[in-house]
């Protein structure tokens, strides 16, 4: 069987599974990474120092690439500030841009996401922007220097599955970057789709 790998920001990954660290107790992170064979792990920067003596970065295996996210950012400027903080914490140069101005639906703000992507890509960050699946916004993210685009499948936490399937297919057909489907997946079968 041929090796199924992909490259982001000059790093080659053999697993297409990106593990989110937000739902695990800190002591389970290492086991979750090992058993899932994850090579990329998302980390909310706001969780990096949850207590004086407890830091999520101490529990994530050093063999994985960290993908800090800018969860909580409402503007491009806030996302850029969080990305700089993540780098200063030792998270490297990968960053998942998450900019949401509404707290009800948690839909990404594509315009602010494009602005943050442009700023951070120019600074040398490997930017993976979470976005609403819009072809024109995806083209703008490519032009801004994104390493991949991460369109939502459905609103965060909705477990509605592939609600945006047709839009995702348009991006897959038209964008010459990795497309990493994010948010809303409800069942394992939907992940496989």
N, C-alpha and C. Protein backbone atom coordinates (compact mmCIF):
# COMPACT_ATOMS: atom_id res chain seq x y z
N UNK A 1 0.83 -1.17 0.00
CA UNK A 1 0.00 0.00 0.00
C UNK A 1 0.89 1.26 0.00
N UNK A 2 0.55 2.21 -0.84
CA UNK A 2 1.33 3.45 -0.94
C UNK A 2 1.15 4.28 0.33
N UNK A 3 2.20 5.01 0.69
CA UNK A 3 2.14 5.87 1.85
C UNK A 3 1.20 7.04 1.57
N UNK A 4 0.31 7.30 2.50
CA UNK A 4 -0.65 8.39 2.37
C UNK A 4 -0.20 9.51 3.29
N UNK A 5 0.56 10.44 2.75
CA UNK A 5 1.07 11.54 3.56
C UNK A 5 0.70 12.87 2.90
N UNK A 6 0.83 13.92 3.67
CA UNK A 6 0.61 15.26 3.13
C UNK A 6 1.57 16.22 3.81
N UNK A 7 1.78 17.37 3.19
CA UNK A 7 2.76 18.32 3.68
C UNK A 7 2.08 19.66 3.99
N UNK A 8 2.41 20.18 5.15
CA UNK A 8 1.96 21.51 5.56
C UNK A 8 3.17 22.26 6.09
N UNK A 9 3.41 23.42 5.55
CA UNK A 9 4.49 24.25 6.07
C UNK A 9 5.84 23.56 6.11
N UNK A 10 6.11 22.72 5.12
CA UNK A 10 7.38 22.02 5.06
C UNK A 10 7.48 20.79 5.94
N UNK A 11 6.43 20.48 6.69
CA UNK A 11 6.39 19.29 7.53
C UNK A 11 5.53 18.23 6.85
N UNK A 12 6.03 17.01 6.80
CA UNK A 12 5.26 15.90 6.23
C UNK A 12 4.58 15.14 7.35
N UNK A 13 3.29 14.89 7.18
CA UNK A 13 2.50 14.17 8.16
C UNK A 13 1.98 12.88 7.53
N UNK A 14 1.99 11.82 8.33
CA UNK A 14 1.54 10.51 7.84
C UNK A 14 0.14 10.18 8.33
N UNK A 15 -0.35 10.92 9.29
CA UNK A 15 -1.70 10.73 9.80
C UNK A 15 -2.53 11.94 9.41
N UNK A 16 -3.72 11.71 8.93
CA UNK A 16 -4.62 12.81 8.57
C UNK A 16 -5.51 13.21 9.74
N UNK A 17 -5.32 12.58 10.87
CA UNK A 17 -6.12 12.86 12.05
C UNK A 17 -5.47 13.97 12.86
N UNK A 18 -6.22 15.02 13.12
CA UNK A 18 -5.76 16.12 13.96
C UNK A 18 -6.55 16.02 15.26
N UNK A 19 -5.85 15.85 16.35
CA UNK A 19 -6.49 15.66 17.64
C UNK A 19 -6.71 17.00 18.32
N UNK A 20 -7.94 17.25 18.72
CA UNK A 20 -8.23 18.43 19.52
C UNK A 20 -7.99 18.08 20.98
N UNK A 21 -7.38 18.98 21.73
CA UNK A 21 -7.04 18.69 23.12
C UNK A 21 -8.04 19.26 24.12
N UNK A 22 -9.07 19.89 23.64
CA UNK A 22 -9.99 20.59 24.54
C UNK A 22 -10.89 19.72 25.38
N UNK A 23 -11.12 18.49 25.01
CA UNK A 23 -12.08 17.66 25.73
C UNK A 23 -11.44 16.63 26.64
N UNK A 24 -10.14 16.66 26.78
CA UNK A 24 -9.44 15.65 27.57
C UNK A 24 -8.94 16.24 28.87
N UNK A 25 -8.90 15.38 29.91
CA UNK A 25 -8.18 15.80 31.10
C UNK A 25 -6.71 15.79 30.72
N UNK A 26 -5.94 16.59 31.36
CA UNK A 26 -4.53 16.72 30.98
C UNK A 26 -3.79 15.39 31.07
N UNK A 27 -4.14 14.57 32.02
CA UNK A 27 -3.42 13.30 32.18
C UNK A 27 -3.75 12.31 31.07
N UNK A 28 -4.82 12.53 30.32
CA UNK A 28 -5.17 11.64 29.22
C UNK A 28 -4.61 12.06 27.87
N UNK A 29 -4.07 13.26 27.78
CA UNK A 29 -3.59 13.79 26.50
C UNK A 29 -2.55 12.87 25.88
N UNK A 30 -1.53 12.49 26.64
CA UNK A 30 -0.46 11.65 26.10
C UNK A 30 -1.01 10.35 25.55
N UNK A 31 -1.89 9.68 26.29
CA UNK A 31 -2.48 8.42 25.84
C UNK A 31 -3.33 8.63 24.59
N UNK A 32 -4.11 9.71 24.56
CA UNK A 32 -4.95 10.00 23.40
C UNK A 32 -4.10 10.19 22.14
N UNK A 33 -3.00 10.90 22.27
CA UNK A 33 -2.11 11.13 21.14
C UNK A 33 -1.51 9.81 20.67
N UNK A 34 -1.00 9.01 21.61
CA UNK A 34 -0.35 7.75 21.23
C UNK A 34 -1.33 6.78 20.58
N UNK A 35 -2.51 6.60 21.17
CA UNK A 35 -3.45 5.61 20.63
C UNK A 35 -4.11 6.09 19.34
N UNK A 36 -4.25 7.38 19.16
CA UNK A 36 -4.82 7.91 17.92
C UNK A 36 -3.76 8.05 16.83
N UNK A 37 -2.49 7.91 17.22
CA UNK A 37 -1.36 8.11 16.32
C UNK A 37 -1.41 9.49 15.66
N UNK A 38 -1.84 10.46 16.45
CA UNK A 38 -1.93 11.84 15.97
C UNK A 38 -0.54 12.47 15.87
N UNK A 39 -0.33 13.24 14.83
CA UNK A 39 0.92 13.97 14.65
C UNK A 39 0.72 15.48 14.80
N UNK A 40 -0.53 15.90 14.75
CA UNK A 40 -0.90 17.30 14.95
C UNK A 40 -1.92 17.36 16.08
N UNK A 41 -1.69 18.24 17.04
CA UNK A 41 -2.60 18.38 18.17
C UNK A 41 -2.94 19.86 18.33
N UNK A 42 -4.24 20.16 18.34
CA UNK A 42 -4.65 21.54 18.56
C UNK A 42 -4.60 21.85 20.05
N UNK A 43 -4.24 23.08 20.34
CA UNK A 43 -4.15 23.55 21.72
C UNK A 43 -4.74 24.95 21.77
N UNK A 44 -5.72 25.13 22.64
CA UNK A 44 -6.24 26.48 22.85
C UNK A 44 -5.23 27.22 23.72
N UNK A 45 -4.72 28.32 23.25
CA UNK A 45 -3.69 29.06 23.97
C UNK A 45 -4.19 29.46 25.34
N UNK A 46 -5.46 29.75 25.45
CA UNK A 46 -6.00 30.16 26.75
C UNK A 46 -5.95 29.03 27.78
N UNK A 47 -5.72 27.76 27.34
CA UNK A 47 -5.59 26.64 28.27
C UNK A 47 -4.14 26.33 28.60
N UNK A 48 -3.21 27.01 27.99
CA UNK A 48 -1.80 26.66 28.15
C UNK A 48 -1.33 26.76 29.60
N UNK A 49 -1.84 27.66 30.35
CA UNK A 49 -1.50 27.76 31.77
C UNK A 49 -2.78 27.86 32.58
N UNK A 50 -3.42 26.72 32.78
CA UNK A 50 -4.71 26.73 33.47
C UNK A 50 -4.57 26.92 34.97
N UNK A 51 -3.44 26.53 35.52
CA UNK A 51 -3.18 26.69 36.96
C UNK A 51 -1.71 27.04 37.11
N UNK A 52 -1.33 27.47 38.28
CA UNK A 52 0.05 27.87 38.51
C UNK A 52 1.03 26.74 38.20
N UNK A 53 0.70 25.51 38.52
CA UNK A 53 1.62 24.39 38.34
C UNK A 53 1.23 23.46 37.20
N UNK A 54 0.18 23.75 36.48
CA UNK A 54 -0.32 22.84 35.45
C UNK A 54 -0.33 23.52 34.10
N UNK A 55 0.33 22.92 33.12
CA UNK A 55 0.42 23.49 31.78
C UNK A 55 0.16 22.37 30.79
N UNK A 56 -0.80 22.56 29.91
CA UNK A 56 -1.15 21.53 28.93
C UNK A 56 0.06 21.12 28.08
N UNK A 57 0.96 22.05 27.86
CA UNK A 57 2.14 21.75 27.03
C UNK A 57 3.04 20.71 27.69
N UNK A 58 2.95 20.57 28.99
CA UNK A 58 3.73 19.54 29.69
C UNK A 58 3.18 18.14 29.45
N UNK A 59 1.96 18.04 28.96
CA UNK A 59 1.30 16.75 28.79
C UNK A 59 1.26 16.29 27.33
N UNK A 60 1.45 17.19 26.40
CA UNK A 60 1.45 16.84 24.97
C UNK A 60 2.83 16.28 24.63
N UNK A 61 2.90 15.09 24.04
CA UNK A 61 4.21 14.51 23.69
C UNK A 61 5.01 15.44 22.77
N UNK A 62 6.30 15.49 22.98
CA UNK A 62 7.18 16.38 22.21
C UNK A 62 7.31 15.94 20.75
N UNK A 63 6.84 14.74 20.42
CA UNK A 63 6.97 14.22 19.05
C UNK A 63 5.90 14.77 18.11
N UNK A 64 4.90 15.45 18.63
CA UNK A 64 3.83 15.95 17.78
C UNK A 64 4.04 17.43 17.46
N UNK A 65 3.42 17.87 16.39
CA UNK A 65 3.42 19.28 16.02
C UNK A 65 2.21 19.92 16.68
N UNK A 66 2.45 21.00 17.39
CA UNK A 66 1.37 21.71 18.04
C UNK A 66 0.69 22.63 17.04
N UNK A 67 -0.63 22.69 17.13
CA UNK A 67 -1.43 23.59 16.32
C UNK A 67 -2.25 24.47 17.27
N UNK A 68 -1.61 25.51 17.83
CA UNK A 68 -2.36 26.38 18.73
C UNK A 68 -3.46 27.10 17.95
N UNK A 69 -4.61 27.29 18.60
CA UNK A 69 -5.68 28.01 17.93
C UNK A 69 -5.93 29.34 18.63
N UNK A 70 -6.59 30.21 17.91
CA UNK A 70 -6.85 31.55 18.43
C UNK A 70 -8.28 31.66 18.96
N UNK A 71 -8.77 30.56 19.50
CA UNK A 71 -10.11 30.52 20.08
C UNK A 71 -10.31 31.70 21.04
N UNK A 72 -11.44 32.35 20.89
CA UNK A 72 -11.74 33.52 21.71
C UNK A 72 -11.49 34.83 21.01
N UNK A 73 -10.74 34.79 19.90
CA UNK A 73 -10.47 36.03 19.15
C UNK A 73 -11.73 36.49 18.43
N UNK A 74 -11.94 37.80 18.47
CA UNK A 74 -13.09 38.38 17.77
C UNK A 74 -12.67 39.28 16.61
N UNK A 75 -11.36 39.56 16.53
CA UNK A 75 -10.83 40.40 15.46
C UNK A 75 -9.51 39.81 14.98
N UNK A 76 -9.05 40.29 13.83
CA UNK A 76 -7.76 39.86 13.30
C UNK A 76 -6.64 40.24 14.27
N UNK A 77 -6.73 41.43 14.84
CA UNK A 77 -5.69 41.89 15.77
C UNK A 77 -5.59 40.97 16.99
N UNK A 78 -6.73 40.55 17.52
CA UNK A 78 -6.71 39.64 18.67
C UNK A 78 -6.11 38.30 18.27
N UNK A 79 -6.45 37.79 17.10
CA UNK A 79 -5.90 36.51 16.63
C UNK A 79 -4.39 36.59 16.46
N UNK A 80 -3.90 37.70 15.92
CA UNK A 80 -2.46 37.89 15.74
C UNK A 80 -1.76 37.92 17.10
N UNK A 81 -2.35 38.62 18.06
CA UNK A 81 -1.78 38.69 19.40
C UNK A 81 -1.71 37.29 20.04
N UNK A 82 -2.77 36.49 19.87
CA UNK A 82 -2.79 35.13 20.43
C UNK A 82 -1.74 34.26 19.74
N UNK A 83 -1.59 34.41 18.44
CA UNK A 83 -0.58 33.63 17.71
C UNK A 83 0.82 33.96 18.22
N UNK A 84 1.09 35.23 18.45
CA UNK A 84 2.39 35.64 19.00
C UNK A 84 2.61 35.05 20.39
N UNK A 85 1.56 35.05 21.20
CA UNK A 85 1.63 34.46 22.54
C UNK A 85 1.97 32.97 22.45
N UNK A 86 1.29 32.27 21.54
CA UNK A 86 1.53 30.83 21.36
C UNK A 86 2.98 30.55 21.00
N UNK A 87 3.51 31.37 20.10
CA UNK A 87 4.90 31.19 19.70
C UNK A 87 5.83 31.45 20.89
N UNK A 88 5.53 32.47 21.67
CA UNK A 88 6.34 32.78 22.85
C UNK A 88 6.27 31.68 23.90
N UNK A 89 5.15 30.94 23.93
CA UNK A 89 4.99 29.83 24.87
C UNK A 89 5.73 28.58 24.42
N UNK A 90 6.26 28.61 23.19
CA UNK A 90 7.00 27.45 22.68
C UNK A 90 6.18 26.53 21.80
N UNK A 91 5.07 27.04 21.27
CA UNK A 91 4.19 26.21 20.44
C UNK A 91 4.62 26.14 18.97
N UNK A 92 5.67 26.82 18.59
CA UNK A 92 6.13 26.77 17.21
C UNK A 92 5.45 27.79 16.33
N UNK A 93 5.55 27.56 15.01
CA UNK A 93 5.04 28.55 14.06
C UNK A 93 3.75 28.15 13.36
N UNK A 94 3.15 27.01 13.74
CA UNK A 94 1.84 26.65 13.22
C UNK A 94 0.78 27.39 14.02
N UNK A 95 -0.32 27.79 13.36
CA UNK A 95 -1.43 28.43 14.07
C UNK A 95 -2.73 28.16 13.31
N UNK A 96 -3.75 27.82 14.07
CA UNK A 96 -5.09 27.68 13.51
C UNK A 96 -5.84 28.96 13.87
N UNK A 97 -6.23 29.69 12.85
CA UNK A 97 -6.95 30.94 13.07
C UNK A 97 -8.42 30.63 13.28
N UNK A 98 -8.94 31.05 14.41
CA UNK A 98 -10.37 30.96 14.72
C UNK A 98 -10.81 32.34 15.17
N UNK A 99 -11.61 32.98 14.35
CA UNK A 99 -12.15 34.30 14.70
C UNK A 99 -13.67 34.21 14.58
N UNK A 100 -14.34 34.37 15.72
CA UNK A 100 -15.79 34.31 15.74
C UNK A 100 -16.32 35.48 16.55
N UNK A 101 -17.18 36.26 15.93
CA UNK A 101 -17.70 37.44 16.62
C UNK A 101 -19.07 37.18 17.24
N UNK A 102 -19.71 36.08 16.87
CA UNK A 102 -20.99 35.78 17.50
C UNK A 102 -20.81 34.61 18.46
N UNK A 103 -21.45 34.68 19.60
CA UNK A 103 -21.31 33.60 20.57
C UNK A 103 -22.47 32.62 20.51
N UNK A 104 -23.45 32.88 19.66
CA UNK A 104 -24.59 31.97 19.56
C UNK A 104 -24.31 30.83 18.59
N UNK A 105 -23.86 31.15 17.37
CA UNK A 105 -23.65 30.14 16.35
C UNK A 105 -22.18 29.74 16.18
N UNK A 106 -21.28 30.57 16.67
CA UNK A 106 -19.84 30.33 16.56
C UNK A 106 -19.39 30.16 15.11
N UNK A 107 -19.96 30.96 14.23
CA UNK A 107 -19.56 30.91 12.82
C UNK A 107 -18.33 31.78 12.62
N UNK A 108 -17.36 31.30 11.85
CA UNK A 108 -16.14 32.08 11.63
C UNK A 108 -16.40 33.34 10.81
N UNK A 109 -15.67 34.38 11.15
CA UNK A 109 -15.72 35.64 10.41
C UNK A 109 -14.66 35.57 9.32
N UNK A 110 -15.08 35.28 8.10
CA UNK A 110 -14.13 35.09 7.01
C UNK A 110 -13.29 36.33 6.72
N UNK A 111 -13.89 37.52 6.79
CA UNK A 111 -13.14 38.74 6.48
C UNK A 111 -11.99 38.96 7.47
N UNK A 112 -12.28 38.85 8.76
CA UNK A 112 -11.23 39.02 9.77
C UNK A 112 -10.20 37.88 9.67
N UNK A 113 -10.66 36.69 9.32
CA UNK A 113 -9.77 35.54 9.17
C UNK A 113 -8.78 35.77 8.03
N UNK A 114 -9.24 36.33 6.94
CA UNK A 114 -8.36 36.64 5.80
C UNK A 114 -7.31 37.66 6.24
N UNK A 115 -7.73 38.71 6.96
CA UNK A 115 -6.78 39.73 7.43
C UNK A 115 -5.72 39.13 8.34
N UNK A 116 -6.13 38.31 9.30
CA UNK A 116 -5.17 37.69 10.22
C UNK A 116 -4.23 36.75 9.48
N UNK A 117 -4.76 36.01 8.53
CA UNK A 117 -3.94 35.08 7.75
C UNK A 117 -2.85 35.82 7.00
N UNK A 118 -3.21 36.92 6.37
CA UNK A 118 -2.24 37.71 5.61
C UNK A 118 -1.11 38.23 6.51
N UNK A 119 -1.48 38.76 7.67
CA UNK A 119 -0.48 39.29 8.60
C UNK A 119 0.46 38.19 9.07
N UNK A 120 -0.11 37.08 9.53
CA UNK A 120 0.70 36.01 10.13
C UNK A 120 1.52 35.25 9.09
N UNK A 121 0.98 35.04 7.90
CA UNK A 121 1.74 34.36 6.84
C UNK A 121 2.96 35.19 6.45
N UNK A 122 2.81 36.51 6.39
CA UNK A 122 3.95 37.39 6.08
C UNK A 122 5.02 37.33 7.16
N UNK A 123 4.60 37.00 8.39
CA UNK A 123 5.55 36.89 9.51
C UNK A 123 6.19 35.50 9.59
N UNK A 124 5.79 34.60 8.69
CA UNK A 124 6.40 33.27 8.67
C UNK A 124 5.62 32.18 9.38
N UNK A 125 4.43 32.48 9.86
CA UNK A 125 3.60 31.45 10.48
C UNK A 125 3.04 30.51 9.42
N UNK A 126 2.81 29.27 9.80
CA UNK A 126 2.10 28.30 8.96
C UNK A 126 0.64 28.41 9.40
N UNK A 127 -0.18 29.05 8.57
CA UNK A 127 -1.53 29.43 8.97
C UNK A 127 -2.57 28.47 8.39
N UNK A 128 -3.37 27.93 9.30
CA UNK A 128 -4.50 27.07 8.92
C UNK A 128 -5.77 27.77 9.39
N UNK A 129 -6.45 28.48 8.50
CA UNK A 129 -7.62 29.25 8.91
C UNK A 129 -8.91 28.43 8.90
N UNK A 130 -9.64 28.51 10.02
CA UNK A 130 -10.98 27.94 10.13
C UNK A 130 -11.92 28.93 9.46
N UNK A 131 -12.74 28.45 8.51
CA UNK A 131 -13.54 29.37 7.71
C UNK A 131 -14.90 28.79 7.36
N UNK A 132 -15.82 29.69 7.07
CA UNK A 132 -17.10 29.29 6.51
C UNK A 132 -16.82 28.91 5.06
N UNK A 133 -17.35 27.79 4.56
CA UNK A 133 -16.97 27.29 3.23
C UNK A 133 -17.50 28.14 2.06
N UNK A 134 -16.79 29.19 1.77
CA UNK A 134 -17.13 30.11 0.70
C UNK A 134 -15.95 30.13 -0.28
N UNK A 135 -16.21 29.88 -1.55
CA UNK A 135 -15.16 29.79 -2.55
C UNK A 135 -14.34 31.06 -2.65
N UNK A 136 -14.98 32.22 -2.62
CA UNK A 136 -14.25 33.48 -2.78
C UNK A 136 -13.36 33.76 -1.56
N UNK A 137 -13.86 33.44 -0.39
CA UNK A 137 -13.04 33.59 0.82
C UNK A 137 -11.87 32.62 0.77
N UNK A 138 -12.10 31.41 0.30
CA UNK A 138 -11.01 30.43 0.20
C UNK A 138 -9.93 30.91 -0.77
N UNK A 139 -10.32 31.48 -1.90
CA UNK A 139 -9.34 32.04 -2.84
C UNK A 139 -8.55 33.17 -2.17
N UNK A 140 -9.24 34.02 -1.40
CA UNK A 140 -8.56 35.11 -0.71
C UNK A 140 -7.59 34.57 0.34
N UNK A 141 -7.94 33.47 0.99
CA UNK A 141 -7.04 32.85 1.98
C UNK A 141 -5.80 32.28 1.30
N UNK A 142 -5.99 31.69 0.12
CA UNK A 142 -4.84 31.20 -0.65
C UNK A 142 -3.92 32.37 -0.97
N UNK A 143 -4.50 33.47 -1.48
CA UNK A 143 -3.72 34.66 -1.82
C UNK A 143 -3.04 35.26 -0.59
N UNK A 144 -3.66 35.11 0.59
CA UNK A 144 -3.10 35.67 1.82
C UNK A 144 -1.96 34.82 2.38
N UNK A 145 -1.78 33.61 1.84
CA UNK A 145 -0.66 32.78 2.29
C UNK A 145 -1.01 31.61 3.18
N UNK A 146 -2.27 31.22 3.24
CA UNK A 146 -2.68 30.07 4.06
C UNK A 146 -1.97 28.81 3.59
N UNK A 147 -1.65 27.92 4.53
CA UNK A 147 -1.03 26.62 4.20
C UNK A 147 -2.09 25.59 3.87
N UNK A 148 -3.31 25.81 4.33
CA UNK A 148 -4.47 24.94 4.10
C UNK A 148 -5.68 25.80 4.44
N UNK A 149 -6.87 25.30 4.11
CA UNK A 149 -8.09 25.94 4.60
C UNK A 149 -8.88 24.89 5.36
N UNK A 150 -9.55 25.35 6.43
CA UNK A 150 -10.28 24.46 7.32
C UNK A 150 -11.75 24.86 7.36
N UNK A 151 -12.52 24.50 6.32
CA UNK A 151 -13.93 24.86 6.31
C UNK A 151 -14.74 24.02 7.30
N UNK A 152 -15.78 24.64 7.86
CA UNK A 152 -16.63 23.91 8.77
C UNK A 152 -17.56 22.98 8.00
N UNK A 153 -17.87 21.84 8.61
CA UNK A 153 -18.85 20.90 8.05
C UNK A 153 -20.24 21.28 8.53
N UNK A 154 -20.31 21.81 9.73
CA UNK A 154 -21.54 22.28 10.37
C UNK A 154 -21.10 23.17 11.53
N UNK A 155 -22.01 23.93 12.11
CA UNK A 155 -21.62 24.77 13.24
C UNK A 155 -20.96 23.97 14.36
N UNK A 156 -19.99 24.59 15.04
CA UNK A 156 -19.26 23.96 16.14
C UNK A 156 -20.24 23.40 17.17
N UNK A 157 -19.99 22.17 17.56
CA UNK A 157 -20.77 21.54 18.62
C UNK A 157 -22.15 21.09 18.22
N UNK A 158 -22.53 21.26 16.95
CA UNK A 158 -23.89 20.90 16.53
C UNK A 158 -24.05 19.42 16.23
N UNK A 159 -22.93 18.74 15.95
CA UNK A 159 -22.96 17.31 15.57
C UNK A 159 -23.91 17.05 14.40
N UNK A 160 -24.04 18.01 13.51
CA UNK A 160 -24.96 17.87 12.37
C UNK A 160 -24.33 17.19 11.17
N UNK A 161 -23.08 16.76 11.30
CA UNK A 161 -22.45 16.03 10.21
C UNK A 161 -22.01 16.93 9.08
N UNK A 162 -22.07 16.41 7.89
CA UNK A 162 -21.60 17.14 6.70
C UNK A 162 -22.70 18.03 6.13
N UNK A 163 -23.13 19.02 6.89
CA UNK A 163 -24.20 19.92 6.46
C UNK A 163 -23.79 20.78 5.27
N UNK A 164 -22.50 21.00 5.08
CA UNK A 164 -22.02 21.86 4.00
C UNK A 164 -21.32 21.03 2.90
N UNK A 165 -21.73 19.79 2.75
CA UNK A 165 -21.04 18.85 1.86
C UNK A 165 -20.83 19.40 0.44
N UNK A 166 -21.85 19.98 -0.16
CA UNK A 166 -21.71 20.48 -1.52
C UNK A 166 -20.70 21.63 -1.60
N UNK A 167 -20.70 22.49 -0.58
CA UNK A 167 -19.74 23.59 -0.55
C UNK A 167 -18.32 23.09 -0.33
N UNK A 168 -18.18 22.07 0.51
CA UNK A 168 -16.87 21.46 0.73
C UNK A 168 -16.34 20.88 -0.58
N UNK A 169 -17.20 20.24 -1.35
CA UNK A 169 -16.76 19.65 -2.62
C UNK A 169 -16.29 20.73 -3.59
N UNK A 170 -16.96 21.86 -3.61
CA UNK A 170 -16.51 22.98 -4.46
C UNK A 170 -15.10 23.40 -4.08
N UNK A 171 -14.84 23.52 -2.78
CA UNK A 171 -13.50 23.90 -2.33
C UNK A 171 -12.47 22.85 -2.71
N UNK A 172 -12.82 21.59 -2.53
CA UNK A 172 -11.91 20.50 -2.89
C UNK A 172 -11.58 20.56 -4.38
N UNK A 173 -12.59 20.85 -5.21
CA UNK A 173 -12.40 20.91 -6.66
C UNK A 173 -11.62 22.14 -7.11
N UNK A 174 -11.75 23.25 -6.40
CA UNK A 174 -11.25 24.53 -6.90
C UNK A 174 -10.02 25.11 -6.19
N UNK A 175 -9.73 24.65 -5.00
CA UNK A 175 -8.63 25.23 -4.22
C UNK A 175 -7.45 24.28 -4.24
N UNK A 176 -6.29 24.82 -4.56
CA UNK A 176 -5.07 24.01 -4.67
C UNK A 176 -4.26 24.04 -3.37
N UNK A 177 -4.93 23.76 -2.28
CA UNK A 177 -4.31 23.63 -0.95
C UNK A 177 -5.01 22.46 -0.26
N UNK A 178 -4.39 21.90 0.76
CA UNK A 178 -5.12 20.89 1.53
C UNK A 178 -6.40 21.49 2.12
N UNK A 179 -7.48 20.73 2.06
CA UNK A 179 -8.76 21.12 2.65
C UNK A 179 -8.94 20.22 3.87
N UNK A 180 -8.99 20.82 5.04
CA UNK A 180 -9.13 20.07 6.28
C UNK A 180 -10.50 20.39 6.86
N UNK A 181 -11.42 19.44 6.75
CA UNK A 181 -12.79 19.66 7.21
C UNK A 181 -12.82 19.70 8.73
N UNK A 182 -13.49 20.70 9.27
CA UNK A 182 -13.48 20.95 10.71
C UNK A 182 -14.88 21.24 11.21
N UNK A 183 -15.17 20.82 12.41
CA UNK A 183 -16.36 21.18 13.18
C UNK A 183 -17.66 20.57 12.65
N UNK A 184 -18.47 20.13 13.59
CA UNK A 184 -19.81 19.66 13.29
C UNK A 184 -19.94 18.19 12.98
N UNK A 185 -18.82 17.47 12.86
CA UNK A 185 -18.89 16.05 12.53
C UNK A 185 -19.59 15.32 13.68
N UNK A 186 -20.60 14.50 13.33
CA UNK A 186 -21.38 13.84 14.36
C UNK A 186 -21.04 12.39 14.59
N UNK A 187 -20.79 11.63 13.52
CA UNK A 187 -20.56 10.19 13.64
C UNK A 187 -19.26 9.80 12.97
N UNK A 188 -18.66 8.69 13.40
CA UNK A 188 -17.43 8.24 12.75
C UNK A 188 -17.58 8.06 11.25
N UNK A 189 -18.73 7.62 10.77
CA UNK A 189 -18.95 7.42 9.34
C UNK A 189 -18.81 8.73 8.58
N UNK A 190 -19.19 9.84 9.22
CA UNK A 190 -19.07 11.15 8.56
C UNK A 190 -17.62 11.57 8.44
N UNK A 191 -16.81 11.17 9.40
CA UNK A 191 -15.38 11.46 9.32
C UNK A 191 -14.79 10.73 8.12
N UNK A 192 -15.19 9.48 7.93
CA UNK A 192 -14.68 8.69 6.81
C UNK A 192 -15.12 9.27 5.47
N UNK A 193 -16.32 9.85 5.42
CA UNK A 193 -16.81 10.45 4.18
C UNK A 193 -15.94 11.62 3.80
